[in-house]
Amino acid sequence: YFTDTIKNKPNKEAFDIARGPYKPDECIMIRDNYIVDIQGAIHAGIKAILLDPKNKYEYENKIKKINELEELLWNFMMN
């Protein structure tokens, strides 16, 4: 779907297309690339969770980080 006129991540246009009919505050990006996925999502107004099992990224404290996907289920069940 992406062409020369529509940029890929981390450009805001890519996230606008990916979220479809949903508002940015109705979406969450869960990915493992801090620059492309997480920073791009935040720039597009989408909440983001960094999946970083090897602790390879230095990141801002305001970013939610998990080491494995099972943490999402655990956090969901506890809230």
PDB file of N, CA and C in Angstrom:
ATOM      1  N   TYR A   1       0.818  -1.190   0.000  1.00  0.00           N
ATOM      2  CA  TYR A   1       0.000   0.000   0.000  1.00  0.00           C
ATOM      3  C   TYR A   1       0.863   1.256   0.000  1.00  0.00           C
ATOM      4  N   PHE A   2       2.019   1.185   0.591  1.00  0.00           N
ATOM      5  CA  PHE A   2       2.876   2.364   0.666  1.00  0.00           C
ATOM      6  C   PHE A   2       3.516   2.651  -0.684  1.00  0.00           C
ATOM      7  N   THR A   3       3.585   3.898  -1.021  1.00  0.00           N
ATOM      8  CA  THR A   3       4.164   4.339  -2.289  1.00  0.00           C
ATOM      9  C   THR A   3       5.191   5.417  -2.014  1.00  0.00           C
ATOM     10  N   ASP A   4       5.665   6.034  -3.081  1.00  0.00           N
ATOM     11  CA  ASP A   4       6.617   7.128  -2.921  1.00  0.00           C
ATOM     12  C   ASP A   4       5.986   8.342  -2.261  1.00  0.00           C
ATOM     13  N   THR A   5       4.662   8.454  -2.313  1.00  0.00           N
ATOM     14  CA  THR A   5       3.998   9.617  -1.731  1.00  0.00           C
ATOM     15  C   THR A   5       3.609   9.404  -0.278  1.00  0.00           C
ATOM     16  N   ILE A   6       3.546   8.155   0.155  1.00  0.00           N
ATOM     17  CA  ILE A   6       3.205   7.852   1.551  1.00  0.00           C
ATOM     18  C   ILE A   6       4.436   7.231   2.196  1.00  0.00           C
ATOM     19  N   LYS A   7       4.888   7.832   3.250  1.00  0.00           N
ATOM     20  CA  LYS A   7       6.114   7.383   3.907  1.00  0.00           C
ATOM     21  C   LYS A   7       5.848   6.222   4.867  1.00  0.00           C
ATOM     22  N   ASN A   8       6.870   5.415   5.084  1.00  0.00           N
ATOM     23  CA  ASN A   8       6.812   4.323   6.056  1.00  0.00           C
ATOM     24  C   ASN A   8       7.091   4.852   7.450  1.00  0.00           C
ATOM     25  N   LYS A   9       6.954   3.970   8.459  1.00  0.00           N
ATOM     26  CA  LYS A   9       7.309   4.330   9.821  1.00  0.00           C
ATOM     27  C   LYS A   9       8.732   4.846   9.833  1.00  0.00           C
ATOM     28  N   PRO A  10       9.055   5.801  10.614  1.00  0.00           N
ATOM     29  CA  PRO A  10       8.336   6.404  11.724  1.00  0.00           C
ATOM     30  C   PRO A  10       7.500   7.624  11.346  1.00  0.00           C
ATOM     31  N   ASN A  11       7.233   7.858  10.088  1.00  0.00           N
ATOM     32  CA  ASN A  11       6.441   9.013   9.681  1.00  0.00           C
ATOM     33  C   ASN A  11       5.001   8.897  10.155  1.00  0.00           C
ATOM     34  N   LYS A  12       4.447  10.002  10.580  1.00  0.00           N
ATOM     35  CA  LYS A  12       3.094  10.051  11.135  1.00  0.00           C
ATOM     36  C   LYS A  12       2.067   9.484  10.162  1.00  0.00           C
ATOM     37  N   GLU A  13       2.233   9.718   8.868  1.00  0.00           N
ATOM     38  CA  GLU A  13       1.281   9.215   7.871  1.00  0.00           C
ATOM     39  C   GLU A  13       1.103   7.702   7.963  1.00  0.00           C
ATOM     40  N   ALA A  14       2.185   6.981   8.190  1.00  0.00           N
ATOM     41  CA  ALA A  14       2.121   5.520   8.278  1.00  0.00           C
ATOM     42  C   ALA A  14       1.250   5.086   9.453  1.00  0.00           C
ATOM     43  N   PHE A  15       1.382   5.770  10.569  1.00  0.00           N
ATOM     44  CA  PHE A  15       0.583   5.432  11.749  1.00  0.00           C
ATOM     45  C   PHE A  15      -0.874   5.835  11.558  1.00  0.00           C
ATOM     46  N   ASP A  16      -1.117   6.948  10.893  1.00  0.00           N
ATOM     47  CA  ASP A  16      -2.489   7.373  10.612  1.00  0.00           C
ATOM     48  C   ASP A  16      -3.209   6.334   9.757  1.00  0.00           C
ATOM     49  N   ILE A  17      -2.516   5.789   8.780  1.00  0.00           N
ATOM     50  CA  ILE A  17      -3.107   4.759   7.928  1.00  0.00           C
ATOM     51  C   ILE A  17      -3.303   3.461   8.708  1.00  0.00           C
ATOM     52  N   ALA A  18      -2.316   3.080   9.494  1.00  0.00           N
ATOM     53  CA  ALA A  18      -2.368   1.819  10.239  1.00  0.00           C
ATOM     54  C   ALA A  18      -3.500   1.776  11.254  1.00  0.00           C
ATOM     55  N   ARG A  19      -3.832   2.907  11.852  1.00  0.00           N
ATOM     56  CA  ARG A  19      -4.890   2.893  12.875  1.00  0.00           C
ATOM     57  C   ARG A  19      -6.286   2.871  12.272  1.00  0.00           C
ATOM     58  N   GLY A  20      -6.392   3.041  10.967  1.00  0.00           N
ATOM     59  CA  GLY A  20      -7.682   2.934  10.295  1.00  0.00           C
ATOM     60  C   GLY A  20      -8.698   3.910  10.846  1.00  0.00           C
ATOM     61  N   PRO A  21      -9.905   3.431  11.165  1.00  0.00           N
ATOM     62  CA  PRO A  21     -10.955   4.336  11.623  1.00  0.00           C
ATOM     63  C   PRO A  21     -10.850   4.718  13.105  1.00  0.00           C
ATOM     64  N   TYR A  22      -9.856   4.174  13.793  1.00  0.00           N
ATOM     65  CA  TYR A  22      -9.732   4.420  15.225  1.00  0.00           C
ATOM     66  C   TYR A  22      -8.989   5.713  15.513  1.00  0.00           C
ATOM     67  N   LYS A  23      -9.348   6.348  16.609  1.00  0.00           N
ATOM     68  CA  LYS A  23      -8.661   7.560  17.059  1.00  0.00           C
ATOM     69  C   LYS A  23      -7.317   7.162  17.673  1.00  0.00           C
ATOM     70  N   PRO A  24      -6.335   8.058  17.641  1.00  0.00           N
ATOM     71  CA  PRO A  24      -5.033   7.719  18.232  1.00  0.00           C
ATOM     72  C   PRO A  24      -5.128   7.257  19.687  1.00  0.00           C
ATOM     73  N   ASP A  25      -6.022   7.855  20.466  1.00  0.00           N
ATOM     74  CA  ASP A  25      -6.116   7.467  21.883  1.00  0.00           C
ATOM     75  C   ASP A  25      -6.844   6.135  22.088  1.00  0.00           C
ATOM     76  N   GLU A  26      -7.304   5.515  21.003  1.00  0.00           N
ATOM     77  CA  GLU A  26      -7.925   4.197  21.071  1.00  0.00           C
ATOM     78  C   GLU A  26      -6.941   3.090  20.675  1.00  0.00           C
ATOM     79  N   CYS A  27      -5.709   3.468  20.404  1.00  0.00           N
ATOM     80  CA  CYS A  27      -4.710   2.517  19.898  1.00  0.00           C
ATOM     81  C   CYS A  27      -3.497   2.447  20.821  1.00  0.00           C
ATOM     82  N   ILE A  28      -2.804   1.318  20.728  1.00  0.00           N
ATOM     83  CA  ILE A  28      -1.536   1.140  21.428  1.00  0.00           C
ATOM     84  C   ILE A  28      -0.579   0.435  20.475  1.00  0.00           C
ATOM     85  N   MET A  29       0.626   0.954  20.363  1.00  0.00           N
ATOM     86  CA  MET A  29       1.673   0.324  19.565  1.00  0.00           C
ATOM     87  C   MET A  29       2.552  -0.471  20.514  1.00  0.00           C
ATOM     88  N   ILE A  30       2.687  -1.753  20.267  1.00  0.00           N
ATOM     89  CA  ILE A  30       3.572  -2.613  21.060  1.00  0.00           C
ATOM     90  C   ILE A  30       4.587  -3.185  20.084  1.00  0.00           C
ATOM     91  N   ARG A  31       5.811  -2.730  20.199  1.00  0.00           N
ATOM     92  CA  ARG A  31       6.849  -3.159  19.261  1.00  0.00           C
ATOM     93  C   ARG A  31       8.214  -3.121  19.927  1.00  0.00           C
ATOM     94  N   ASP A  32       9.205  -3.570  19.171  1.00  0.00           N
ATOM     95  CA  ASP A  32      10.541  -3.713  19.733  1.00  0.00           C
ATOM     96  C   ASP A  32      11.576  -2.750  19.166  1.00  0.00           C
ATOM     97  N   ASN A  33      11.174  -1.804  18.364  1.00  0.00           N
ATOM     98  CA  ASN A  33      12.129  -0.836  17.833  1.00  0.00           C
ATOM     99  C   ASN A  33      11.792   0.533  18.408  1.00  0.00           C
ATOM    100  N   TYR A  34      12.665   1.025  19.265  1.00  0.00           N
ATOM    101  CA  TYR A  34      12.394   2.274  19.971  1.00  0.00           C
ATOM    102  C   TYR A  34      12.262   3.460  19.022  1.00  0.00           C
ATOM    103  N   ILE A  35      13.153   3.580  18.064  1.00  0.00           N
ATOM    104  CA  ILE A  35      13.149   4.741  17.178  1.00  0.00           C
ATOM    105  C   ILE A  35      11.981   4.686  16.199  1.00  0.00           C
ATOM    106  N   VAL A  36      11.894   3.628  15.431  1.00  0.00           N
ATOM    107  CA  VAL A  36      10.901   3.540  14.355  1.00  0.00           C
ATOM    108  C   VAL A  36       9.486   3.363  14.896  1.00  0.00           C
ATOM    109  N   ASP A  37       9.298   2.426  15.797  1.00  0.00           N
ATOM    110  CA  ASP A  37       7.955   2.084  16.261  1.00  0.00           C
ATOM    111  C   ASP A  37       7.466   2.952  17.417  1.00  0.00           C
ATOM    112  N   ILE A  38       8.246   3.043  18.460  1.00  0.00           N
ATOM    113  CA  ILE A  38       7.799   3.718  19.675  1.00  0.00           C
ATOM    114  C   ILE A  38       7.784   5.238  19.503  1.00  0.00           C
ATOM    115  N   GLN A  39       8.902   5.805  19.080  1.00  0.00           N
ATOM    116  CA  GLN A  39       8.936   7.252  18.885  1.00  0.00           C
ATOM    117  C   GLN A  39       7.952   7.678  17.793  1.00  0.00           C
ATOM    118  N   GLY A  40       7.833   6.882  16.733  1.00  0.00           N
ATOM    119  CA  GLY A  40       6.887   7.188  15.669  1.00  0.00           C
ATOM    120  C   GLY A  40       5.449   7.188  16.159  1.00  0.00           C
ATOM    121  N   ALA A  41       5.098   6.197  16.958  1.00  0.00           N
ATOM    122  CA  ALA A  41       3.743   6.118  17.502  1.00  0.00           C
ATOM    123  C   ALA A  41       3.447   7.309  18.407  1.00  0.00           C
ATOM    124  N   ILE A  42       4.372   7.633  19.271  1.00  0.00           N
ATOM    125  CA  ILE A  42       4.182   8.762  20.177  1.00  0.00           C
ATOM    126  C   ILE A  42       4.007  10.053  19.390  1.00  0.00           C
ATOM    127  N   HIS A  43       4.809  10.230  18.354  1.00  0.00           N
ATOM    128  CA  HIS A  43       4.694  11.418  17.501  1.00  0.00           C
ATOM    129  C   HIS A  43       3.311  11.483  16.834  1.00  0.00           C
ATOM    130  N   ALA A  44       2.713  10.322  16.566  1.00  0.00           N
ATOM    131  CA  ALA A  44       1.389  10.260  15.947  1.00  0.00           C
ATOM    132  C   ALA A  44       0.265  10.306  16.980  1.00  0.00           C
ATOM    133  N   GLY A  45       0.607  10.457  18.267  1.00  0.00           N
ATOM    134  CA  GLY A  45      -0.408  10.551  19.313  1.00  0.00           C
ATOM    135  C   GLY A  45      -0.922   9.214  19.808  1.00  0.00           C
ATOM    136  N   ILE A  46      -0.195   8.150  19.528  1.00  0.00           N
ATOM    137  CA  ILE A  46      -0.599   6.800  19.912  1.00  0.00           C
ATOM    138  C   ILE A  46       0.234   6.358  21.117  1.00  0.00           C
ATOM    139  N   LYS A  47      -0.422   5.756  22.102  1.00  0.00           N
ATOM    140  CA  LYS A  47       0.302   5.213  23.251  1.00  0.00           C
ATOM    141  C   LYS A  47       1.213   4.098  22.755  1.00  0.00           C
ATOM    142  N   ALA A  48       2.347   3.925  23.440  1.00  0.00           N
ATOM    143  CA  ALA A  48       3.303   2.926  22.985  1.00  0.00           C
ATOM    144  C   ALA A  48       3.913   2.172  24.151  1.00  0.00           C
ATOM    145  N   ILE A  49       4.183   0.899  23.904  1.00  0.00           N
ATOM    146  CA  ILE A  49       4.861   0.045  24.872  1.00  0.00           C
ATOM    147  C   ILE A  49       6.056  -0.574  24.163  1.00  0.00           C
ATOM    148  N   LEU A  50       7.219  -0.409  24.755  1.00  0.00           N
ATOM    149  CA  LEU A  50       8.449  -0.952  24.186  1.00  0.00           C
ATOM    150  C   LEU A  50       8.650  -2.383  24.663  1.00  0.00           C
ATOM    151  N   LEU A  51       8.738  -3.308  23.728  1.00  0.00           N
ATOM    152  CA  LEU A  51       9.081  -4.697  24.027  1.00  0.00           C
ATOM    153  C   LEU A  51      10.598  -4.807  23.886  1.00  0.00           C
ATOM    154  N   ASP A  52      11.283  -4.971  25.000  1.00  0.00           N
ATOM    155  CA  ASP A  52      12.748  -4.943  25.012  1.00  0.00           C
ATOM    156  C   ASP A  52      13.294  -6.082  25.876  1.00  0.00           C
ATOM    157  N   PRO A  53      13.206  -7.317  25.395  1.00  0.00           N
ATOM    158  CA  PRO A  53      13.608  -8.459  26.216  1.00  0.00           C
ATOM    159  C   PRO A  53      15.095  -8.511  26.543  1.00  0.00           C
ATOM    160  N   LYS A  54      15.921  -7.877  25.737  1.00  0.00           N
ATOM    161  CA  LYS A  54      17.362  -7.917  25.975  1.00  0.00           C
ATOM    162  C   LYS A  54      17.890  -6.620  26.582  1.00  0.00           C
ATOM    163  N   ASN A  55      16.973  -5.734  26.970  1.00  0.00           N
ATOM    164  CA  ASN A  55      17.351  -4.447  27.567  1.00  0.00           C
ATOM    165  C   ASN A  55      18.409  -3.717  26.745  1.00  0.00           C
ATOM    166  N   LYS A  56      18.188  -3.641  25.455  1.00  0.00           N
ATOM    167  CA  LYS A  56      19.188  -3.023  24.585  1.00  0.00           C
ATOM    168  C   LYS A  56      18.959  -1.539  24.343  1.00  0.00           C
ATOM    169  N   TYR A  57      17.820  -1.012  24.775  1.00  0.00           N
ATOM    170  CA  TYR A  57      17.525   0.388  24.515  1.00  0.00           C
ATOM    171  C   TYR A  57      17.629   1.249  25.763  1.00  0.00           C
ATOM    172  N   GLU A  58      18.229   2.405  25.595  1.00  0.00           N
ATOM    173  CA  GLU A  58      18.149   3.471  26.587  1.00  0.00           C
ATOM    174  C   GLU A  58      16.926   4.276  26.174  1.00  0.00           C
ATOM    175  N   TYR A  59      16.028   4.539  27.078  1.00  0.00           N
ATOM    176  CA  TYR A  59      14.787   5.207  26.713  1.00  0.00           C
ATOM    177  C   TYR A  59      14.344   6.111  27.840  1.00  0.00           C
ATOM    178  N   GLU A  60      13.412   6.979  27.500  1.00  0.00           N
ATOM    179  CA  GLU A  60      12.876   7.909  28.485  1.00  0.00           C
ATOM    180  C   GLU A  60      12.012   7.154  29.478  1.00  0.00           C
ATOM    181  N   ASN A  61      12.022   7.575  30.719  1.00  0.00           N
ATOM    182  CA  ASN A  61      11.249   6.899  31.762  1.00  0.00           C
ATOM    183  C   ASN A  61       9.744   6.941  31.528  1.00  0.00           C
ATOM    184  N   LYS A  62       9.269   7.901  30.734  1.00  0.00           N
ATOM    185  CA  LYS A  62       7.827   7.984  30.507  1.00  0.00           C
ATOM    186  C   LYS A  62       7.314   6.893  29.567  1.00  0.00           C
ATOM    187  N   ILE A  63       8.223   6.150  28.943  1.00  0.00           N
ATOM    188  CA  ILE A  63       7.843   5.066  28.046  1.00  0.00           C
ATOM    189  C   ILE A  63       7.616   3.806  28.875  1.00  0.00           C
ATOM    190  N   LYS A  64       6.486   3.142  28.653  1.00  0.00           N
ATOM    191  CA  LYS A  64       6.225   1.859  29.306  1.00  0.00           C
ATOM    192  C   LYS A  64       7.052   0.799  28.596  1.00  0.00           C
ATOM    193  N   LYS A  65       7.755  -0.027  29.377  1.00  0.00           N
ATOM    194  CA  LYS A  65       8.607  -1.064  28.810  1.00  0.00           C
ATOM    195  C   LYS A  65       8.250  -2.409  29.410  1.00  0.00           C
ATOM    196  N   ILE A  66       8.245  -3.422  28.560  1.00  0.00           N
ATOM    197  CA  ILE A  66       8.062  -4.785  29.027  1.00  0.00           C
ATOM    198  C   ILE A  66       9.196  -5.640  28.464  1.00  0.00           C
ATOM    199  N   ASN A  67       9.463  -6.757  29.131  1.00  0.00           N
ATOM    200  CA  ASN A  67      10.510  -7.660  28.665  1.00  0.00           C
ATOM    201  C   ASN A  67       9.945  -8.844  27.888  1.00  0.00           C
ATOM    202  N   GLU A  68       8.663  -9.138  28.104  1.00  0.00           N
ATOM    203  CA  GLU A  68       8.020 -10.224  27.362  1.00  0.00           C
ATOM    204  C   GLU A  68       6.529  -9.932  27.260  1.00  0.00           C
ATOM    205  N   LEU A  69       5.905 -10.473  26.227  1.00  0.00           N
ATOM    206  CA  LEU A  69       4.496 -10.178  25.969  1.00  0.00           C
ATOM    207  C   LEU A  69       3.568 -10.640  27.095  1.00  0.00           C
ATOM    208  N   GLU A  70       3.969 -11.671  27.815  1.00  0.00           N
ATOM    209  CA  GLU A  70       3.142 -12.163  28.916  1.00  0.00           C
ATOM    210  C   GLU A  70       2.904 -11.100  29.975  1.00  0.00           C
ATOM    211  N   GLU A  71       3.796 -10.126  30.069  1.00  0.00           N
ATOM    212  CA  GLU A  71       3.619  -9.035  31.024  1.00  0.00           C
ATOM    213  C   GLU A  71       2.352  -8.237  30.740  1.00  0.00           C
ATOM    214  N   LEU A  72       1.968  -8.157  29.473  1.00  0.00           N
ATOM    215  CA  LEU A  72       0.735  -7.442  29.126  1.00  0.00           C
ATOM    216  C   LEU A  72      -0.470  -8.115  29.751  1.00  0.00           C
ATOM    217  N   LEU A  73      -0.539  -9.427  29.628  1.00  0.00           N
ATOM    218  CA  LEU A  73      -1.649 -10.178  30.215  1.00  0.00           C
ATOM    219  C   LEU A  73      -1.648 -10.030  31.731  1.00  0.00           C
ATOM    220  N   TRP A  74      -0.489 -10.139  32.332  1.00  0.00           N
ATOM    221  CA  TRP A  74      -0.376 -10.005  33.775  1.00  0.00           C
ATOM    222  C   TRP A  74      -0.863  -8.629  34.240  1.00  0.00           C
ATOM    223  N   ASN A  75      -0.409  -7.573  33.562  1.00  0.00           N
ATOM    224  CA  ASN A  75      -0.824  -6.216  33.924  1.00  0.00           C
ATOM    225  C   ASN A  75      -2.306  -6.009  33.719  1.00  0.00           C
ATOM    226  N   PHE A  76      -2.847  -6.584  32.671  1.00  0.00           N
ATOM    227  CA  PHE A  76      -4.276  -6.461  32.396  1.00  0.00           C
ATOM    228  C   PHE A  76      -5.094  -7.160  33.491  1.00  0.00           C
ATOM    229  N   MET A  77      -4.664  -8.327  33.900  1.00  0.00           N
ATOM    230  CA  MET A  77      -5.397  -9.084  34.916  1.00  0.00           C
ATOM    231  C   MET A  77      -5.331  -8.413  36.276  1.00  0.00           C
ATOM    232  N   MET A  78      -4.259  -7.696  36.543  1.00  0.00           N
ATOM    233  CA  MET A  78      -4.081  -7.065  37.856  1.00  0.00           C
ATOM    234  C   MET A  78      -4.830  -5.745  37.979  1.00  0.00           C
ATOM    235  N   ASN A  79      -5.241  -5.161  36.871  1.00  0.00           N
ATOM    236  CA  ASN A  79      -5.934  -3.858  36.922  1.00  0.00           C
ATOM    237  C   ASN A  79      -7.423  -4.011  36.772  1.00  0.00           C
TER     238      ASN A  79
END
